[in-house]
């Protein structure tokens, strides 16, 4: 039996953004997708640190593109989920669902004083 590696909240956000973006998943597009969907500010440094870690763990696959066809154009690093990344993301989301099962929360404004 293999041991599941559960993901941190931010790693889940990164992998979900990569899955959502598909072929257009590169650093800045991932950052924007997380900010748009989560409503939280994301800093590029920690994002690239997480991308490198997830790639090192073989949960993401990265590949460099040709430089952009503009003066001073740089290449982008495009990311895609690996089978292990998909499995780890699925397991982490399922664990969160199990933890949440049966919990009854009310919006903060509706709590008794």
Protein backbone atom coordinates (compact mmCIF):
# COMPACT_ATOMS: atom_id res chain seq x y z
CA UNK A 1 0.00 0.00 0.00
CA UNK A 2 1.41 3.39 -0.94
CA UNK A 3 1.27 6.26 1.49
CA UNK A 4 -0.79 9.21 0.29
CA UNK A 5 0.93 12.58 0.30
CA UNK A 6 -1.73 15.09 1.23
CA UNK A 7 -1.31 18.56 -0.19
CA UNK A 8 -1.26 21.89 1.59
CA UNK A 9 -4.07 24.37 0.93
CA UNK A 10 -1.87 26.42 -1.41
CA UNK A 11 -0.64 23.32 -3.28
CA UNK A 12 -4.29 22.35 -3.83
CA UNK A 13 -4.97 25.84 -5.21
CA UNK A 14 -1.98 25.58 -7.55
CA UNK A 15 -2.92 22.14 -8.88
CA UNK A 16 -6.57 23.13 -9.33
CA UNK A 17 -5.50 26.26 -11.25
CA UNK A 18 -3.24 24.17 -13.50
CA UNK A 19 -6.09 21.72 -14.13
CA UNK A 20 -8.49 24.59 -14.90
CA UNK A 21 -6.09 26.39 -17.26
CA UNK A 22 -5.07 23.32 -19.25
CA UNK A 23 -2.55 24.13 -21.98
CA UNK A 24 -2.25 27.78 -20.87
CA UNK A 25 -0.92 27.09 -17.36
CA UNK A 26 2.22 29.17 -16.79
CA UNK A 27 3.32 31.20 -13.77
CA UNK A 28 1.38 34.43 -14.23
CA UNK A 29 -1.77 32.72 -15.57
CA UNK A 30 -1.74 30.36 -12.56
CA UNK A 31 -1.32 33.33 -10.21
CA UNK A 32 -4.24 35.18 -11.82
CA UNK A 33 -6.47 32.09 -11.76
CA UNK A 34 -5.85 31.52 -8.04
CA UNK A 35 -6.46 35.20 -7.25
CA UNK A 36 -9.63 35.29 -9.35
CA UNK A 37 -11.14 32.15 -7.89
CA UNK A 38 -9.97 32.43 -4.26
CA UNK A 39 -10.17 36.19 -3.79
CA UNK A 40 -6.80 36.13 -2.07
CA UNK A 41 -3.57 37.87 -3.06
CA UNK A 42 -0.85 35.58 -4.40
CA UNK A 43 2.82 36.53 -4.54
CA UNK A 44 4.87 35.31 -7.50
CA UNK A 45 7.92 34.19 -5.45
CA UNK A 46 6.08 31.67 -3.26
CA UNK A 47 4.10 30.53 -6.31
CA UNK A 48 7.29 29.68 -8.23
CA UNK A 49 8.70 27.96 -5.13
CA UNK A 50 5.55 25.80 -4.97
CA UNK A 51 5.65 25.08 -8.71
CA UNK A 52 9.28 23.93 -8.42
CA UNK A 53 8.45 21.74 -5.41
CA UNK A 54 5.42 20.17 -7.13
CA UNK A 55 7.54 19.52 -10.21
CA UNK A 56 10.32 18.00 -8.08
CA UNK A 57 7.70 15.71 -6.46
CA UNK A 58 6.54 14.78 -9.98
CA UNK A 59 3.03 16.07 -9.36
CA UNK A 60 3.49 18.63 -12.15
CA UNK A 61 5.39 18.45 -15.41
CA UNK A 62 6.96 21.64 -16.71
CA UNK A 63 8.30 22.42 -20.15
CA UNK A 64 9.81 25.56 -21.60
CA UNK A 65 8.27 27.15 -24.68
CA UNK A 66 10.07 28.92 -27.47
CA UNK A 67 10.72 32.60 -26.69
CA UNK A 68 7.76 34.87 -27.43
CA UNK A 69 7.92 36.47 -30.88
CA UNK A 70 8.43 40.00 -29.58
CA UNK A 71 11.56 42.02 -29.01
CA UNK A 72 13.19 40.69 -25.86
CA UNK A 73 10.60 37.91 -25.73
CA UNK A 74 11.20 35.28 -23.11
CA UNK A 75 10.15 31.69 -23.00
CA UNK A 76 7.44 30.52 -20.64
CA UNK A 77 7.37 27.41 -18.53
CA UNK A 78 4.08 25.61 -19.12
CA UNK A 79 2.80 23.19 -16.47
CA UNK A 80 0.51 20.18 -16.63
CA UNK A 81 -0.70 17.71 -14.04
CA UNK A 82 0.93 14.30 -14.00
CA UNK A 83 -1.00 11.12 -13.15
CA UNK A 84 0.55 11.29 -9.67
CA UNK A 85 -0.51 14.94 -9.36
CA UNK A 86 -4.07 14.13 -10.36
CA UNK A 87 -4.16 11.26 -7.87
CA UNK A 88 -2.69 13.35 -5.04
CA UNK A 89 -5.13 16.18 -5.74
CA UNK A 90 -8.06 13.75 -5.79
CA UNK A 91 -6.94 12.15 -2.49
CA UNK A 92 -6.47 15.54 -0.80
CA UNK A 93 -9.90 16.78 -1.91
CA UNK A 94 -11.53 13.50 -0.81
CA UNK A 95 -9.85 13.83 2.60
CA UNK A 96 -11.24 17.36 2.95
CA UNK A 97 -14.70 16.07 2.02
CA UNK A 98 -14.43 13.37 4.71
CA UNK A 99 -13.32 15.93 7.30
CA UNK A 100 -16.18 18.24 6.35
CA UNK A 101 -18.83 15.50 6.33
CA UNK A 102 -21.41 16.10 9.03
CA UNK A 103 -20.09 19.52 10.05
CA UNK A 104 -22.86 22.09 10.23
CA UNK A 105 -21.59 25.64 9.96
CA UNK A 106 -23.59 28.82 9.94
CA UNK A 107 -22.44 32.11 8.45
CA UNK A 108 -20.71 34.23 11.11
CA UNK A 109 -23.49 36.85 11.10
CA UNK A 110 -26.06 34.22 12.05
CA UNK A 111 -24.27 32.94 15.18
CA UNK A 112 -26.03 33.58 18.51
CA UNK A 113 -24.44 36.24 20.70
